């Protein structure tokens, strides 16, 4: 056994975790709770976060239309700060109110400079994202969106132009607090490669559902909610690129 301790507001919380050498999945060791990024490390991190007075909150919008907009405006090739700035910009202009703006109106709004701190930046994919967002908001306005499970919502979203598995899963996780989907990108893929819970040779582009099943299996094995594990894992892997690349090099693994 190994013991994890966390101090929160002068209170001490303690929990036992399995021995580092024991297997969490066939062929995958738990590892040490202090050894980034082992399965035991992630189990400890999620548990420690749950002791905080304000645990993780990943919802971006106040309505499903806003959530779709926030996630659709972010994603591959768009820095998180730019995507969030574009979302806030459109929300302030009423893009997510009852009446769906035209594609042309959305494009015009997205071509305006965005303020990020003291910088003024341009949104790179204004025309493309305006089209996708208009179609998504139009579909949402028609109603009939399945909200009984994350996968049902994801499957519905996948029918919309410009929304793939990652974005659809992101929306479903955020809006429904869903634990039956996973948001997989290069950061989660690297975590799985380093800890050994992903099968080698799989890519997000070609094997999303297989990787998702393996991620959900890990979550179940370490007894944490997939939604929280996904969020914490993504944030920590994204925040430590130098450490992550060093570990990948040591293990002889590709960075991408």
Protein backbone atom coordinates (compact mmCIF):
# COMPACT_ATOMS: atom_id res chain seq x y z
CA UNK A 1 0.00 0.00 0.00
CA UNK A 2 0.99 3.63 -0.45
CA UNK A 3 -0.62 6.49 1.43
CA UNK A 4 -1.71 9.79 -0.07
CA UNK A 5 -2.24 12.89 2.04
CA UNK A 6 -3.61 16.32 1.16
CA UNK A 7 -3.93 19.44 3.33
CA UNK A 8 -6.95 21.69 2.69
CA UNK A 9 -7.77 24.66 4.94
CA UNK A 10 -5.91 23.22 7.95
CA UNK A 11 -7.63 19.85 7.48
CA UNK A 12 -5.73 16.66 6.67
CA UNK A 13 -7.22 14.08 4.32
CA UNK A 14 -5.63 10.67 3.92
CA UNK A 15 -6.25 7.72 1.62
CA UNK A 16 -4.52 4.46 0.79
CA UNK A 17 -3.67 3.52 -2.78
CA UNK A 18 -2.58 0.11 -4.14
CA UNK A 19 1.06 -0.93 -4.13
CA UNK A 20 3.09 0.65 -6.92
CA UNK A 21 4.05 -2.73 -8.42
CA UNK A 22 0.51 -4.14 -8.50
CA UNK A 23 -1.38 -4.07 -11.79
CA UNK A 24 -4.20 -1.60 -12.38
CA UNK A 25 -4.86 -3.15 -15.81
CA UNK A 26 -3.27 -6.23 -17.39
CA UNK A 27 0.37 -5.36 -17.95
CA UNK A 28 0.00 -1.85 -16.50
CA UNK A 29 1.42 -1.08 -13.04
CA UNK A 30 -0.18 1.40 -10.66
CA UNK A 31 3.14 3.16 -10.16
CA UNK A 32 3.95 5.64 -7.41
CA UNK A 33 1.40 8.31 -6.51
CA UNK A 34 4.13 10.97 -6.67
CA UNK A 35 5.51 9.81 -10.03
CA UNK A 36 4.05 11.88 -12.88
CA UNK A 37 2.25 10.53 -14.94
CA UNK A 38 1.51 7.03 -13.56
CA UNK A 39 -2.06 5.72 -13.07
CA UNK A 40 -1.55 6.09 -9.30
CA UNK A 41 -0.49 9.71 -9.82
CA UNK A 42 -3.74 10.47 -11.66
CA UNK A 43 -5.85 8.62 -9.09
CA UNK A 44 -4.25 10.71 -6.35
CA UNK A 45 -4.64 13.98 -8.29
CA UNK A 46 -8.36 13.47 -8.90
CA UNK A 47 -8.95 12.44 -5.28
CA UNK A 48 -6.96 15.44 -3.99
CA UNK A 49 -8.93 17.80 -6.22
CA UNK A 50 -12.20 16.43 -4.86
CA UNK A 51 -11.17 17.56 -1.37
CA UNK A 52 -10.91 21.17 -2.54
CA UNK A 53 -13.81 23.51 -1.65
CA UNK A 54 -14.10 24.47 -5.33
CA UNK A 55 -13.36 21.40 -7.44
CA UNK A 56 -13.11 21.34 -11.23
CA UNK A 57 -15.66 23.21 -13.30
CA UNK A 58 -15.37 22.85 -17.06
CA UNK A 59 -18.70 24.22 -18.32
CA UNK A 60 -18.09 27.26 -20.53
CA UNK A 61 -21.60 28.38 -21.48
CA UNK A 62 -24.87 29.19 -19.73
CA UNK A 63 -26.90 27.46 -22.46
CA UNK A 64 -26.28 24.51 -24.76
CA UNK A 65 -26.01 26.94 -27.69
CA UNK A 66 -23.26 28.81 -25.84
CA UNK A 67 -21.48 25.57 -24.97
CA UNK A 68 -21.54 24.47 -28.61
CA UNK A 69 -20.25 27.89 -29.64
CA UNK A 70 -17.43 27.92 -27.10
CA UNK A 71 -16.18 24.47 -28.09
CA UNK A 72 -16.69 24.95 -31.83
CA UNK A 73 -14.72 28.21 -31.80
CA UNK A 74 -11.81 26.50 -30.05
CA UNK A 75 -10.06 23.27 -30.88
CA UNK A 76 -7.30 22.25 -33.26
CA UNK A 77 -5.09 25.07 -34.51
CA UNK A 78 -6.71 27.70 -32.29
CA UNK A 79 -5.04 28.74 -29.00
CA UNK A 80 -7.41 28.37 -26.06
CA UNK A 81 -7.18 32.08 -25.26
CA UNK A 82 -8.22 33.01 -28.81
CA UNK A 83 -11.12 30.55 -28.88
CA UNK A 84 -12.45 31.81 -25.56
CA UNK A 85 -12.02 35.43 -26.64
CA UNK A 86 -13.98 34.74 -29.84
CA UNK A 87 -16.72 33.06 -27.82
CA UNK A 88 -16.98 35.96 -25.36
CA UNK A 89 -16.99 38.40 -28.28
CA UNK A 90 -19.89 36.64 -30.03
CA UNK A 91 -21.81 36.19 -26.80
CA UNK A 92 -21.58 39.92 -26.08
CA UNK A 93 -22.97 40.60 -29.56
CA UNK A 94 -25.97 38.34 -28.92
CA UNK A 95 -24.94 35.48 -31.20
CA UNK A 96 -26.39 32.88 -28.85
CA UNK A 97 -29.70 34.59 -28.14
CA UNK A 98 -33.03 33.27 -29.44
CA UNK A 99 -32.65 34.46 -33.04
CA UNK A 100 -29.91 32.63 -34.95
CA UNK A 101 -27.58 35.09 -36.73
CA UNK A 102 -26.91 34.60 -40.42
CA UNK A 103 -23.68 33.01 -41.58
CA UNK A 104 -22.65 36.36 -43.04
CA UNK A 105 -23.29 38.17 -39.77
CA UNK A 106 -21.26 35.64 -37.79
CA UNK A 107 -18.40 35.92 -40.27
CA UNK A 108 -18.45 39.71 -40.02
CA UNK A 109 -18.33 39.53 -36.23
CA UNK A 110 -15.50 36.99 -36.29
CA UNK A 111 -13.37 39.17 -38.56
CA UNK A 112 -13.30 41.96 -35.97
CA UNK A 113 -10.12 42.16 -33.85
CA UNK A 114 -10.23 40.34 -30.52
CA UNK A 115 -8.75 41.80 -27.34
CA UNK A 116 -6.68 39.39 -25.26
CA UNK A 117 -5.14 41.32 -22.42
CA UNK A 118 -3.17 44.14 -24.03
CA UNK A 119 -3.00 42.38 -27.41
CA UNK A 120 -5.26 42.64 -30.41
CA UNK A 121 -5.52 39.41 -32.41
CA UNK A 122 -7.42 38.11 -35.43
CA UNK A 123 -9.50 34.94 -35.46
CA UNK A 124 -7.95 32.70 -38.12
CA UNK A 125 -10.90 30.70 -39.43
CA UNK A 126 -13.71 33.26 -39.50
CA UNK A 127 -15.42 32.11 -42.72
CA UNK A 128 -15.26 28.38 -41.98
CA UNK A 129 -16.31 28.65 -38.34
CA UNK A 130 -19.10 31.09 -39.15
CA UNK A 131 -20.62 28.48 -41.45
CA UNK A 132 -20.27 25.65 -38.94
CA UNK A 133 -21.62 27.77 -36.09
CA UNK A 134 -24.62 28.98 -38.09
CA UNK A 135 -25.56 25.42 -39.03
CA UNK A 136 -25.12 24.19 -35.44
CA UNK A 137 -27.19 27.01 -33.93
CA UNK A 138 -29.90 26.46 -36.55
CA UNK A 139 -30.06 22.75 -35.69
CA UNK A 140 -30.22 23.51 -31.96
CA UNK A 141 -33.05 25.99 -32.51
CA UNK A 142 -35.15 23.25 -34.11
CA UNK A 143 -35.10 21.30 -30.83
CA UNK A 144 -35.16 17.56 -30.31
CA UNK A 145 -31.61 17.41 -29.00
CA UNK A 146 -31.05 14.15 -27.04
CA UNK A 147 -29.80 14.96 -23.56
CA UNK A 148 -30.25 11.64 -21.76
CA UNK A 149 -26.59 10.63 -22.13
CA UNK A 150 -23.26 12.00 -23.26
CA UNK A 151 -23.02 9.54 -26.13
CA UNK A 152 -26.51 10.35 -27.38
CA UNK A 153 -25.69 14.06 -27.47
CA UNK A 154 -22.33 13.33 -29.09
CA UNK A 155 -23.91 11.19 -31.80
CA UNK A 156 -26.36 13.99 -32.56
CA UNK A 157 -23.57 16.57 -32.73
CA UNK A 158 -21.48 14.38 -35.03
CA UNK A 159 -24.13 14.81 -37.72
CA UNK A 160 -23.35 18.53 -37.88
CA UNK A 161 -20.70 19.88 -40.31
CA UNK A 162 -17.38 20.76 -38.72
CA UNK A 163 -17.89 18.76 -35.52
CA UNK A 164 -15.79 15.65 -35.02
CA UNK A 165 -15.42 13.23 -32.14
CA UNK A 166 -13.23 15.46 -30.01
CA UNK A 167 -15.41 18.57 -30.25
CA UNK A 168 -18.64 16.59 -29.88
CA UNK A 169 -17.25 14.78 -26.82
CA UNK A 170 -16.03 18.08 -25.37
CA UNK A 171 -19.50 19.61 -25.66
CA UNK A 172 -21.21 16.52 -24.22
CA UNK A 173 -18.79 16.26 -21.27
CA UNK A 174 -19.08 19.96 -20.46
CA UNK A 175 -22.83 20.35 -20.80
CA UNK A 176 -24.02 17.07 -19.30
CA UNK A 177 -21.09 16.43 -16.96
CA UNK A 178 -20.96 13.16 -18.91
CA UNK A 179 -18.81 10.20 -17.93
CA UNK A 180 -19.54 8.02 -20.96
CA UNK A 181 -17.34 9.99 -23.37
CA UNK A 182 -13.74 11.20 -23.35
CA UNK A 183 -12.09 14.25 -24.89
CA UNK A 184 -8.98 12.86 -26.51
CA UNK A 185 -6.15 14.88 -28.01
CA UNK A 186 -2.37 14.77 -28.18
CA UNK A 187 -2.00 15.54 -24.46
CA UNK A 188 -4.19 12.62 -23.38
CA UNK A 189 -2.53 10.39 -25.98
CA UNK A 190 0.91 11.21 -24.54
CA UNK A 191 -0.31 10.50 -20.99
CA UNK A 192 -1.58 7.11 -22.11
CA UNK A 193 1.64 6.31 -23.94
CA UNK A 194 3.78 7.19 -20.91
CA UNK A 195 1.62 5.31 -18.39
CA UNK A 196 1.02 2.38 -20.74
CA UNK A 197 -2.77 2.32 -20.67
CA UNK A 198 -3.16 2.99 -24.43
CA UNK A 199 -2.38 0.30 -26.98
CA UNK A 200 0.64 1.30 -29.11
CA UNK A 201 0.10 2.55 -32.64
CA UNK A 202 -3.34 4.06 -32.11
CA UNK A 203 -4.13 7.63 -33.19
CA UNK A 204 -6.97 9.95 -32.25
CA UNK A 205 -7.74 10.54 -35.92
CA UNK A 206 -8.16 6.86 -36.82
CA UNK A 207 -8.94 5.03 -33.56
CA UNK A 208 -10.94 7.47 -31.41
CA UNK A 209 -13.48 4.98 -30.07
CA UNK A 210 -10.85 2.34 -29.28
CA UNK A 211 -8.76 4.89 -27.38
CA UNK A 212 -11.87 6.14 -25.60
CA UNK A 213 -12.73 2.61 -24.46
CA UNK A 214 -9.21 2.21 -23.06
CA UNK A 215 -9.39 5.57 -21.30
CA UNK A 216 -12.75 4.69 -19.74
CA UNK A 217 -11.32 1.33 -18.65
CA UNK A 218 -8.49 3.12 -16.83
CA UNK A 219 -10.96 5.48 -15.15
CA UNK A 220 -12.99 2.53 -13.92
CA UNK A 221 -9.88 0.69 -12.72
CA UNK A 222 -8.62 3.62 -10.64
CA UNK A 223 -12.18 4.42 -9.50
CA UNK A 224 -12.39 8.04 -10.67
CA UNK A 225 -14.88 9.84 -12.87
CA UNK A 226 -13.68 9.98 -16.50
CA UNK A 227 -14.81 13.60 -16.84
CA UNK A 228 -12.58 14.73 -13.97
CA UNK A 229 -9.67 12.51 -14.98
CA UNK A 230 -9.82 13.86 -18.54
CA UNK A 231 -9.84 17.48 -17.41
CA UNK A 232 -7.01 17.13 -14.88
CA UNK A 233 -4.88 14.99 -17.17
CA UNK A 234 -5.27 17.41 -20.08
CA UNK A 235 -4.43 20.46 -17.95
CA UNK A 236 -1.33 18.99 -16.34
CA UNK A 237 0.04 17.43 -19.53
CA UNK A 238 -0.55 20.68 -21.43
CA UNK A 239 1.05 22.76 -18.67
CA UNK A 240 4.33 20.80 -18.51
CA UNK A 241 5.59 20.45 -22.12
CA UNK A 242 9.28 20.37 -21.20
CA UNK A 243 8.80 17.62 -18.62
CA UNK A 244 6.50 15.64 -20.92
CA UNK A 245 8.88 15.81 -23.89
CA UNK A 246 11.76 14.77 -21.64
CA UNK A 247 9.83 11.72 -20.43
CA UNK A 248 8.84 10.82 -23.99
CA UNK A 249 12.46 11.01 -25.10
CA UNK A 250 13.59 8.85 -22.17
CA UNK A 251 10.97 6.25 -23.07
CA UNK A 252 11.82 6.37 -26.77
CA UNK A 253 8.30 7.53 -27.65
CA UNK A 254 7.25 10.02 -30.29
CA UNK A 255 6.02 13.43 -29.11
CA UNK A 256 3.10 13.41 -31.54
